[in-house]
mmCIF file of all heavy atoms, coordinates in Angstrom:
data_MODEL
# 
_entry.id   MODEL 
# 
loop_
_atom_site.group_PDB 
_atom_site.id 
_atom_site.type_symbol 
_atom_site.label_atom_id 
_atom_site.label_alt_id 
_atom_site.label_comp_id 
_atom_site.label_asym_id 
_atom_site.label_entity_id 
_atom_site.label_seq_id 
_atom_site.pdbx_PDB_ins_code 
_atom_site.Cartn_x 
_atom_site.Cartn_y 
_atom_site.Cartn_z 
_atom_site.occupancy 
_atom_site.B_iso_or_equiv 
_atom_site.pdbx_formal_charge 
_atom_site.auth_seq_id 
_atom_site.auth_comp_id 
_atom_site.auth_asym_id 
_atom_site.auth_atom_id 
_atom_site.pdbx_PDB_model_num 
ATOM 1   N N   . ALA A 1 1  ? 67.806 -21.620 -17.330 1.00 0.00 ? 1  ALA A N   1 
ATOM 2   C CA  . ALA A 1 1  ? 69.206 -22.103 -17.432 1.00 0.00 ? 1  ALA A CA  1 
ATOM 3   C C   . ALA A 1 1  ? 69.879 -21.959 -18.710 1.00 0.00 ? 1  ALA A C   1 
ATOM 4   O O   . ALA A 1 1  ? 71.120 -21.639 -18.755 1.00 0.00 ? 1  ALA A O   1 
ATOM 5   C CB  . ALA A 1 1  ? 69.047 -23.571 -17.054 1.00 0.00 ? 1  ALA A CB  1 
ATOM 6   N N   . GLU A 1 2  ? 69.170 -22.039 -19.741 1.00 0.00 ? 2  GLU A N   1 
ATOM 7   C CA  . GLU A 1 2  ? 69.698 -21.925 -21.139 1.00 0.00 ? 2  GLU A CA  1 
ATOM 8   C C   . GLU A 1 2  ? 70.166 -20.395 -21.250 1.00 0.00 ? 2  GLU A C   1 
ATOM 9   O O   . GLU A 1 2  ? 71.276 -20.296 -21.756 1.00 0.00 ? 2  GLU A O   1 
ATOM 10  C CB  . GLU A 1 2  ? 68.835 -22.280 -22.106 1.00 0.00 ? 2  GLU A CB  1 
ATOM 11  C CG  . GLU A 1 2  ? 68.544 -23.732 -22.313 1.00 0.00 ? 2  GLU A CG  1 
ATOM 12  C CD  . GLU A 1 2  ? 69.716 -24.465 -22.773 1.00 0.00 ? 2  GLU A CD  1 
ATOM 13  O OE1 . GLU A 1 2  ? 70.596 -23.972 -23.537 1.00 0.00 ? 2  GLU A OE1 1 
ATOM 14  O OE2 . GLU A 1 2  ? 70.043 -25.531 -21.986 1.00 0.00 ? 2  GLU A OE2 1 
ATOM 15  N N   . ASN A 1 3  ? 69.441 -19.502 -20.810 1.00 0.00 ? 3  ASN A N   1 
ATOM 16  C CA  . ASN A 1 3  ? 69.791 -18.108 -20.831 1.00 0.00 ? 3  ASN A CA  1 
ATOM 17  C C   . ASN A 1 3  ? 71.156 -17.844 -20.058 1.00 0.00 ? 3  ASN A C   1 
ATOM 18  O O   . ASN A 1 3  ? 72.067 -17.193 -20.465 1.00 0.00 ? 3  ASN A O   1 
ATOM 19  C CB  . ASN A 1 3  ? 68.658 -17.322 -20.200 1.00 0.00 ? 3  ASN A CB  1 
ATOM 20  C CG  . ASN A 1 3  ? 67.998 -16.200 -21.221 1.00 0.00 ? 3  ASN A CG  1 
ATOM 21  O OD1 . ASN A 1 3  ? 68.033 -16.540 -22.401 1.00 0.00 ? 3  ASN A OD1 1 
ATOM 22  N ND2 . ASN A 1 3  ? 67.540 -15.199 -20.708 1.00 0.00 ? 3  ASN A ND2 1 
ATOM 23  N N   . LEU A 1 4  ? 71.186 -18.503 -18.851 1.00 0.00 ? 4  LEU A N   1 
ATOM 24  C CA  . LEU A 1 4  ? 72.335 -18.249 -18.022 1.00 0.00 ? 4  LEU A CA  1 
ATOM 25  C C   . LEU A 1 4  ? 73.558 -18.995 -18.548 1.00 0.00 ? 4  LEU A C   1 
ATOM 26  O O   . LEU A 1 4  ? 74.681 -18.446 -18.468 1.00 0.00 ? 4  LEU A O   1 
ATOM 27  C CB  . LEU A 1 4  ? 72.215 -18.793 -16.468 1.00 0.00 ? 4  LEU A CB  1 
ATOM 28  C CG  . LEU A 1 4  ? 71.182 -17.664 -15.736 1.00 0.00 ? 4  LEU A CG  1 
ATOM 29  C CD1 . LEU A 1 4  ? 70.708 -18.442 -14.571 1.00 0.00 ? 4  LEU A CD1 1 
ATOM 30  C CD2 . LEU A 1 4  ? 71.945 -16.517 -15.449 1.00 0.00 ? 4  LEU A CD2 1 
ATOM 31  N N   . LYS A 1 5  ? 73.325 -20.067 -19.212 1.00 0.00 ? 5  LYS A N   1 
ATOM 32  C CA  . LYS A 1 5  ? 74.531 -20.858 -19.705 1.00 0.00 ? 5  LYS A CA  1 
ATOM 33  C C   . LYS A 1 5  ? 75.095 -20.003 -20.936 1.00 0.00 ? 5  LYS A C   1 
ATOM 34  O O   . LYS A 1 5  ? 76.266 -20.035 -21.125 1.00 0.00 ? 5  LYS A O   1 
ATOM 35  C CB  . LYS A 1 5  ? 73.958 -22.184 -20.253 1.00 0.00 ? 5  LYS A CB  1 
ATOM 36  C CG  . LYS A 1 5  ? 73.781 -23.293 -19.269 1.00 0.00 ? 5  LYS A CG  1 
ATOM 37  C CD  . LYS A 1 5  ? 72.946 -24.376 -19.778 1.00 0.00 ? 5  LYS A CD  1 
ATOM 38  C CE  . LYS A 1 5  ? 73.657 -25.287 -20.757 1.00 0.00 ? 5  LYS A CE  1 
ATOM 39  N NZ  . LYS A 1 5  ? 72.839 -26.435 -21.099 1.00 0.00 ? 5  LYS A NZ  1 
ATOM 40  N N   . GLU A 1 6  ? 74.220 -19.310 -21.718 1.00 0.00 ? 6  GLU A N   1 
ATOM 41  C CA  . GLU A 1 6  ? 74.732 -18.503 -22.705 1.00 0.00 ? 6  GLU A CA  1 
ATOM 42  C C   . GLU A 1 6  ? 75.512 -17.264 -22.186 1.00 0.00 ? 6  GLU A C   1 
ATOM 43  O O   . GLU A 1 6  ? 76.580 -16.976 -22.745 1.00 0.00 ? 6  GLU A O   1 
ATOM 44  C CB  . GLU A 1 6  ? 73.506 -17.880 -23.505 1.00 0.00 ? 6  GLU A CB  1 
ATOM 45  C CG  . GLU A 1 6  ? 72.908 -18.973 -24.383 1.00 0.00 ? 6  GLU A CG  1 
ATOM 46  C CD  . GLU A 1 6  ? 71.734 -18.310 -25.143 1.00 0.00 ? 6  GLU A CD  1 
ATOM 47  O OE1 . GLU A 1 6  ? 71.379 -17.002 -25.089 1.00 0.00 ? 6  GLU A OE1 1 
ATOM 48  O OE2 . GLU A 1 6  ? 70.880 -19.052 -25.708 1.00 0.00 ? 6  GLU A OE2 1 
ATOM 49  N N   . LEU A 1 7  ? 75.192 -16.777 -21.105 1.00 0.00 ? 7  LEU A N   1 
ATOM 50  C CA  . LEU A 1 7  ? 75.840 -15.661 -20.398 1.00 0.00 ? 7  LEU A CA  1 
ATOM 51  C C   . LEU A 1 7  ? 77.267 -16.216 -19.758 1.00 0.00 ? 7  LEU A C   1 
ATOM 52  O O   . LEU A 1 7  ? 78.151 -15.493 -19.811 1.00 0.00 ? 7  LEU A O   1 
ATOM 53  C CB  . LEU A 1 7  ? 75.031 -14.962 -19.364 1.00 0.00 ? 7  LEU A CB  1 
ATOM 54  C CG  . LEU A 1 7  ? 73.821 -14.125 -19.792 1.00 0.00 ? 7  LEU A CG  1 
ATOM 55  C CD1 . LEU A 1 7  ? 72.813 -13.899 -18.602 1.00 0.00 ? 7  LEU A CD1 1 
ATOM 56  C CD2 . LEU A 1 7  ? 74.339 -13.032 -20.443 1.00 0.00 ? 7  LEU A CD2 1 
ATOM 57  N N   . VAL A 1 8  ? 77.195 -17.312 -19.139 1.00 0.00 ? 8  VAL A N   1 
ATOM 58  C CA  . VAL A 1 8  ? 78.317 -18.009 -18.692 1.00 0.00 ? 8  VAL A CA  1 
ATOM 59  C C   . VAL A 1 8  ? 79.433 -18.253 -19.840 1.00 0.00 ? 8  VAL A C   1 
ATOM 60  O O   . VAL A 1 8  ? 80.563 -18.003 -19.694 1.00 0.00 ? 8  VAL A O   1 
ATOM 61  C CB  . VAL A 1 8  ? 78.053 -19.268 -18.034 1.00 0.00 ? 8  VAL A CB  1 
ATOM 62  C CG1 . VAL A 1 8  ? 79.353 -20.100 -17.651 1.00 0.00 ? 8  VAL A CG1 1 
ATOM 63  C CG2 . VAL A 1 8  ? 77.430 -18.995 -16.729 1.00 0.00 ? 8  VAL A CG2 1 
ATOM 64  N N   . LYS A 1 9  ? 78.913 -18.742 -21.022 1.00 0.00 ? 9  LYS A N   1 
ATOM 65  C CA  . LYS A 1 9  ? 79.739 -19.021 -22.108 1.00 0.00 ? 9  LYS A CA  1 
ATOM 66  C C   . LYS A 1 9  ? 80.337 -17.638 -22.583 1.00 0.00 ? 9  LYS A C   1 
ATOM 67  O O   . LYS A 1 9  ? 81.490 -17.580 -23.026 1.00 0.00 ? 9  LYS A O   1 
ATOM 68  C CB  . LYS A 1 9  ? 78.863 -19.596 -23.291 1.00 0.00 ? 9  LYS A CB  1 
ATOM 69  C CG  . LYS A 1 9  ? 79.824 -19.908 -24.451 1.00 0.00 ? 9  LYS A CG  1 
ATOM 70  C CD  . LYS A 1 9  ? 78.931 -20.732 -25.557 1.00 0.00 ? 9  LYS A CD  1 
ATOM 71  C CE  . LYS A 1 9  ? 79.723 -20.903 -26.846 1.00 0.00 ? 9  LYS A CE  1 
ATOM 72  N NZ  . LYS A 1 9  ? 78.955 -21.622 -27.903 1.00 0.00 ? 9  LYS A NZ  1 
ATOM 73  N N   . ASP A 1 10 ? 79.532 -16.561 -22.778 1.00 0.00 ? 10 ASP A N   1 
ATOM 74  C CA  . ASP A 1 10 ? 80.049 -15.334 -23.289 1.00 0.00 ? 10 ASP A CA  1 
ATOM 75  C C   . ASP A 1 10 ? 80.942 -14.565 -22.233 1.00 0.00 ? 10 ASP A C   1 
ATOM 76  O O   . ASP A 1 10 ? 81.707 -13.739 -22.587 1.00 0.00 ? 10 ASP A O   1 
ATOM 77  C CB  . ASP A 1 10 ? 78.923 -14.467 -23.592 1.00 0.00 ? 10 ASP A CB  1 
ATOM 78  C CG  . ASP A 1 10 ? 78.067 -14.918 -24.752 1.00 0.00 ? 10 ASP A CG  1 
ATOM 79  O OD1 . ASP A 1 10 ? 78.597 -15.790 -25.557 1.00 0.00 ? 10 ASP A OD1 1 
ATOM 80  O OD2 . ASP A 1 10 ? 76.891 -14.491 -24.872 1.00 0.00 ? 10 ASP A OD2 1 
ATOM 81  N N   . HIS A 1 11 ? 80.796 -14.832 -21.054 1.00 0.00 ? 11 HIS A N   1 
ATOM 82  C CA  . HIS A 1 11 ? 81.501 -14.044 -19.963 1.00 0.00 ? 11 HIS A CA  1 
ATOM 83  C C   . HIS A 1 11 ? 82.031 -15.162 -18.821 1.00 0.00 ? 11 HIS A C   1 
ATOM 84  O O   . HIS A 1 11 ? 81.474 -15.152 -17.655 1.00 0.00 ? 11 HIS A O   1 
ATOM 85  C CB  . HIS A 1 11 ? 80.600 -13.038 -19.260 1.00 0.00 ? 11 HIS A CB  1 
ATOM 86  C CG  . HIS A 1 11 ? 80.010 -12.114 -20.185 1.00 0.00 ? 11 HIS A CG  1 
ATOM 87  N ND1 . HIS A 1 11 ? 80.660 -11.065 -20.735 1.00 0.00 ? 11 HIS A ND1 1 
ATOM 88  C CD2 . HIS A 1 11 ? 78.706 -12.001 -20.740 1.00 0.00 ? 11 HIS A CD2 1 
ATOM 89  C CE1 . HIS A 1 11 ? 79.941 -10.301 -21.486 1.00 0.00 ? 11 HIS A CE1 1 
ATOM 90  N NE2 . HIS A 1 11 ? 78.713 -10.951 -21.686 1.00 0.00 ? 11 HIS A NE2 1 
ATOM 91  N N   . PRO A 1 12 ? 82.909 -15.896 -19.172 1.00 0.00 ? 12 PRO A N   1 
ATOM 92  C CA  . PRO A 1 12 ? 83.434 -17.080 -18.338 1.00 0.00 ? 12 PRO A CA  1 
ATOM 93  C C   . PRO A 1 12 ? 84.082 -16.501 -17.183 1.00 0.00 ? 12 PRO A C   1 
ATOM 94  O O   . PRO A 1 12 ? 84.270 -17.314 -16.057 1.00 0.00 ? 12 PRO A O   1 
ATOM 95  C CB  . PRO A 1 12 ? 84.390 -17.843 -19.160 1.00 0.00 ? 12 PRO A CB  1 
ATOM 96  C CG  . PRO A 1 12 ? 84.792 -16.857 -20.361 1.00 0.00 ? 12 PRO A CG  1 
ATOM 97  C CD  . PRO A 1 12 ? 83.615 -15.965 -20.493 1.00 0.00 ? 12 PRO A CD  1 
ATOM 98  N N   . ASP A 1 13 ? 84.451 -15.235 -16.979 1.00 0.00 ? 13 ASP A N   1 
ATOM 99  C CA  . ASP A 1 13 ? 85.091 -14.741 -15.900 1.00 0.00 ? 13 ASP A CA  1 
ATOM 100 C C   . ASP A 1 13 ? 84.140 -13.910 -14.887 1.00 0.00 ? 13 ASP A C   1 
ATOM 101 O O   . ASP A 1 13 ? 84.496 -13.295 -13.972 1.00 0.00 ? 13 ASP A O   1 
ATOM 102 C CB  . ASP A 1 13 ? 86.226 -13.749 -16.216 1.00 0.00 ? 13 ASP A CB  1 
ATOM 103 C CG  . ASP A 1 13 ? 87.408 -14.393 -16.959 1.00 0.00 ? 13 ASP A CG  1 
ATOM 104 O OD1 . ASP A 1 13 ? 87.666 -15.657 -16.629 1.00 0.00 ? 13 ASP A OD1 1 
ATOM 105 O OD2 . ASP A 1 13 ? 88.076 -13.803 -17.858 1.00 0.00 ? 13 ASP A OD2 1 
ATOM 106 N N   . ASN A 1 14 ? 82.843 -14.009 -15.329 1.00 0.00 ? 14 ASN A N   1 
ATOM 107 C CA  . ASN A 1 14 ? 81.787 -13.272 -14.374 1.00 0.00 ? 14 ASN A CA  1 
ATOM 108 C C   . ASN A 1 14 ? 81.251 -14.190 -13.495 1.00 0.00 ? 14 ASN A C   1 
ATOM 109 O O   . ASN A 1 14 ? 80.598 -15.219 -13.864 1.00 0.00 ? 14 ASN A O   1 
ATOM 110 C CB  . ASN A 1 14 ? 80.826 -12.689 -15.316 1.00 0.00 ? 14 ASN A CB  1 
ATOM 111 C CG  . ASN A 1 14 ? 79.668 -11.947 -14.650 1.00 0.00 ? 14 ASN A CG  1 
ATOM 112 O OD1 . ASN A 1 14 ? 79.319 -12.255 -13.493 1.00 0.00 ? 14 ASN A OD1 1 
ATOM 113 N ND2 . ASN A 1 14 ? 79.373 -10.789 -15.215 1.00 0.00 ? 14 ASN A ND2 1 
ATOM 114 N N   . PRO A 1 15 ? 81.567 -14.117 -12.046 1.00 0.00 ? 15 PRO A N   1 
ATOM 115 C CA  . PRO A 1 15 ? 81.116 -15.064 -11.221 1.00 0.00 ? 15 PRO A CA  1 
ATOM 116 C C   . PRO A 1 15 ? 79.532 -15.037 -10.999 1.00 0.00 ? 15 PRO A C   1 
ATOM 117 O O   . PRO A 1 15 ? 78.956 -16.059 -10.566 1.00 0.00 ? 15 PRO A O   1 
ATOM 118 C CB  . PRO A 1 15 ? 81.807 -14.707 -9.853  1.00 0.00 ? 15 PRO A CB  1 
ATOM 119 C CG  . PRO A 1 15 ? 82.166 -13.209 -10.113 1.00 0.00 ? 15 PRO A CG  1 
ATOM 120 C CD  . PRO A 1 15 ? 82.289 -13.056 -11.539 1.00 0.00 ? 15 PRO A CD  1 
ATOM 121 N N   . THR A 1 16 ? 78.861 -13.978 -11.247 1.00 0.00 ? 16 THR A N   1 
ATOM 122 C CA  . THR A 1 16 ? 77.465 -13.738 -11.034 1.00 0.00 ? 16 THR A CA  1 
ATOM 123 C C   . THR A 1 16 ? 76.705 -14.931 -11.807 1.00 0.00 ? 16 THR A C   1 
ATOM 124 O O   . THR A 1 16 ? 75.769 -15.510 -11.277 1.00 0.00 ? 16 THR A O   1 
ATOM 125 C CB  . THR A 1 16 ? 77.002 -12.427 -11.272 1.00 0.00 ? 16 THR A CB  1 
ATOM 126 O OG1 . THR A 1 16 ? 77.619 -11.510 -10.296 1.00 0.00 ? 16 THR A OG1 1 
ATOM 127 C CG2 . THR A 1 16 ? 75.458 -12.262 -11.170 1.00 0.00 ? 16 THR A CG2 1 
ATOM 128 N N   . TYR A 1 17 ? 76.961 -15.006 -13.100 1.00 0.00 ? 17 TYR A N   1 
ATOM 129 C CA  . TYR A 1 17 ? 76.230 -15.814 -14.024 1.00 0.00 ? 17 TYR A CA  1 
ATOM 130 C C   . TYR A 1 17 ? 76.496 -17.332 -13.563 1.00 0.00 ? 17 TYR A C   1 
ATOM 131 O O   . TYR A 1 17 ? 75.506 -18.119 -13.529 1.00 0.00 ? 17 TYR A O   1 
ATOM 132 C CB  . TYR A 1 17 ? 76.701 -15.750 -15.374 1.00 0.00 ? 17 TYR A CB  1 
ATOM 133 C CG  . TYR A 1 17 ? 76.468 -14.273 -15.873 1.00 0.00 ? 17 TYR A CG  1 
ATOM 134 C CD1 . TYR A 1 17 ? 77.396 -13.642 -16.763 1.00 0.00 ? 17 TYR A CD1 1 
ATOM 135 C CD2 . TYR A 1 17 ? 75.378 -13.441 -15.534 1.00 0.00 ? 17 TYR A CD2 1 
ATOM 136 C CE1 . TYR A 1 17 ? 77.189 -12.298 -17.209 1.00 0.00 ? 17 TYR A CE1 1 
ATOM 137 C CE2 . TYR A 1 17 ? 75.083 -12.172 -16.006 1.00 0.00 ? 17 TYR A CE2 1 
ATOM 138 C CZ  . TYR A 1 17 ? 76.042 -11.596 -16.883 1.00 0.00 ? 17 TYR A CZ  1 
ATOM 139 O OH  . TYR A 1 17 ? 75.900 -10.376 -17.336 1.00 0.00 ? 17 TYR A OH  1 
ATOM 140 N N   . LYS A 1 18 ? 77.667 -17.752 -13.145 1.00 0.00 ? 18 LYS A N   1 
ATOM 141 C CA  . LYS A 1 18 ? 77.947 -19.076 -12.738 1.00 0.00 ? 18 LYS A CA  1 
ATOM 142 C C   . LYS A 1 18 ? 77.160 -19.383 -11.395 1.00 0.00 ? 18 LYS A C   1 
ATOM 143 O O   . LYS A 1 18 ? 76.705 -20.445 -11.292 1.00 0.00 ? 18 LYS A O   1 
ATOM 144 C CB  . LYS A 1 18 ? 79.419 -19.169 -12.516 1.00 0.00 ? 18 LYS A CB  1 
ATOM 145 C CG  . LYS A 1 18 ? 80.279 -19.240 -13.798 1.00 0.00 ? 18 LYS A CG  1 
ATOM 146 C CD  . LYS A 1 18 ? 81.660 -19.550 -13.670 1.00 0.00 ? 18 LYS A CD  1 
ATOM 147 C CE  . LYS A 1 18 ? 82.490 -19.698 -14.901 1.00 0.00 ? 18 LYS A CE  1 
ATOM 148 N NZ  . LYS A 1 18 ? 83.915 -19.886 -14.798 1.00 0.00 ? 18 LYS A NZ  1 
ATOM 149 N N   . ASN A 1 19 ? 77.334 -18.451 -10.462 1.00 0.00 ? 19 ASN A N   1 
ATOM 150 C CA  . ASN A 1 19 ? 76.562 -18.536 -9.269  1.00 0.00 ? 19 ASN A CA  1 
ATOM 151 C C   . ASN A 1 19 ? 75.103 -18.803 -9.452  1.00 0.00 ? 19 ASN A C   1 
ATOM 152 O O   . ASN A 1 19 ? 74.432 -19.750 -8.812  1.00 0.00 ? 19 ASN A O   1 
ATOM 153 C CB  . ASN A 1 19 ? 76.828 -17.466 -8.203  1.00 0.00 ? 19 ASN A CB  1 
ATOM 154 C CG  . ASN A 1 19 ? 75.924 -17.684 -7.052  1.00 0.00 ? 19 ASN A CG  1 
ATOM 155 O OD1 . ASN A 1 19 ? 76.224 -18.410 -6.122  1.00 0.00 ? 19 ASN A OD1 1 
ATOM 156 N ND2 . ASN A 1 19 ? 74.964 -16.794 -6.946  1.00 0.00 ? 19 ASN A ND2 1 
ATOM 157 N N   . ASP A 1 20 ? 74.483 -17.848 -10.121 1.00 0.00 ? 20 ASP A N   1 
ATOM 158 C CA  . ASP A 1 20 ? 73.087 -17.996 -10.510 1.00 0.00 ? 20 ASP A CA  1 
ATOM 159 C C   . ASP A 1 20 ? 72.667 -19.340 -11.204 1.00 0.00 ? 20 ASP A C   1 
ATOM 160 O O   . ASP A 1 20 ? 71.529 -19.899 -10.834 1.00 0.00 ? 20 ASP A O   1 
ATOM 161 C CB  . ASP A 1 20 ? 72.561 -16.788 -11.092 1.00 0.00 ? 20 ASP A CB  1 
ATOM 162 C CG  . ASP A 1 20 ? 72.594 -15.561 -10.375 1.00 0.00 ? 20 ASP A CG  1 
ATOM 163 O OD1 . ASP A 1 20 ? 73.193 -15.577 -9.416  1.00 0.00 ? 20 ASP A OD1 1 
ATOM 164 O OD2 . ASP A 1 20 ? 71.913 -14.547 -10.808 1.00 0.00 ? 20 ASP A OD2 1 
ATOM 165 N N   . LEU A 1 21 ? 73.341 -19.680 -12.054 1.00 0.00 ? 21 LEU A N   1 
ATOM 166 C CA  . LEU A 1 21 ? 73.142 -20.928 -12.853 1.00 0.00 ? 21 LEU A CA  1 
ATOM 167 C C   . LEU A 1 21 ? 73.189 -22.065 -11.847 1.00 0.00 ? 21 LEU A C   1 
ATOM 168 O O   . LEU A 1 21 ? 72.272 -23.033 -11.834 1.00 0.00 ? 21 LEU A O   1 
ATOM 169 C CB  . LEU A 1 21 ? 74.063 -21.180 -14.015 1.00 0.00 ? 21 LEU A CB  1 
ATOM 170 C CG  . LEU A 1 21 ? 73.834 -22.483 -14.884 1.00 0.00 ? 21 LEU A CG  1 
ATOM 171 C CD1 . LEU A 1 21 ? 72.435 -22.681 -15.407 1.00 0.00 ? 21 LEU A CD1 1 
ATOM 172 C CD2 . LEU A 1 21 ? 74.893 -22.471 -15.920 1.00 0.00 ? 21 LEU A CD2 1 
ATOM 173 N N   . GLY A 1 22 ? 74.226 -22.197 -11.089 1.00 0.00 ? 22 GLY A N   1 
ATOM 174 C CA  . GLY A 1 22 ? 74.400 -23.264 -10.142 1.00 0.00 ? 22 GLY A CA  1 
ATOM 175 C C   . GLY A 1 22 ? 73.315 -23.298 -9.057  1.00 0.00 ? 22 GLY A C   1 
ATOM 176 O O   . GLY A 1 22 ? 72.700 -24.339 -8.727  1.00 0.00 ? 22 GLY A O   1 
ATOM 177 N N   . PHE A 1 23 ? 72.869 -22.039 -8.665  1.00 0.00 ? 23 PHE A N   1 
ATOM 178 C CA  . PHE A 1 23 ? 71.810 -22.016 -7.622  1.00 0.00 ? 23 PHE A CA  1 
ATOM 179 C C   . PHE A 1 23 ? 70.498 -22.531 -8.169  1.00 0.00 ? 23 PHE A C   1 
ATOM 180 O O   . PHE A 1 23 ? 69.754 -23.323 -7.480  1.00 0.00 ? 23 PHE A O   1 
ATOM 181 C CB  . PHE A 1 23 ? 71.733 -20.738 -7.090  1.00 0.00 ? 23 PHE A CB  1 
ATOM 182 C CG  . PHE A 1 23 ? 70.672 -20.563 -5.999  1.00 0.00 ? 23 PHE A CG  1 
ATOM 183 C CD1 . PHE A 1 23 ? 70.893 -20.844 -4.617  1.00 0.00 ? 23 PHE A CD1 1 
ATOM 184 C CD2 . PHE A 1 23 ? 69.330 -19.983 -6.366  1.00 0.00 ? 23 PHE A CD2 1 
ATOM 185 C CE1 . PHE A 1 23 ? 69.728 -20.846 -3.807  1.00 0.00 ? 23 PHE A CE1 1 
ATOM 186 C CE2 . PHE A 1 23 ? 68.255 -20.070 -5.475  1.00 0.00 ? 23 PHE A CE2 1 
ATOM 187 C CZ  . PHE A 1 23 ? 68.461 -20.429 -4.041  1.00 0.00 ? 23 PHE A CZ  1 
ATOM 188 N N   . ILE A 1 24 ? 70.162 -22.047 -9.351  1.00 0.00 ? 24 ILE A N   1 
ATOM 189 C CA  . ILE A 1 24 ? 68.891 -22.365 -10.056 1.00 0.00 ? 24 ILE A CA  1 
ATOM 190 C C   . ILE A 1 24 ? 68.841 -23.837 -10.215 1.00 0.00 ? 24 ILE A C   1 
ATOM 191 O O   . ILE A 1 24 ? 67.839 -24.453 -9.817  1.00 0.00 ? 24 ILE A O   1 
ATOM 192 C CB  . ILE A 1 24 ? 68.757 -21.675 -11.386 1.00 0.00 ? 24 ILE A CB  1 
ATOM 193 C CG1 . ILE A 1 24 ? 68.484 -20.245 -11.183 1.00 0.00 ? 24 ILE A CG1 1 
ATOM 194 C CG2 . ILE A 1 24 ? 67.583 -22.270 -12.101 1.00 0.00 ? 24 ILE A CG2 1 
ATOM 195 C CD1 . ILE A 1 24 ? 68.531 -19.431 -12.383 1.00 0.00 ? 24 ILE A CD1 1 
# 
C-alpha cells in the first residue's frame, strides 16, 4: 500500500494506481 500511495501521489491522474490501492 505504501508503494502504491507513492505512485498515486506522483501520478494523481493515473486511475490504475488508485484502483489497485483501493482494491488491495
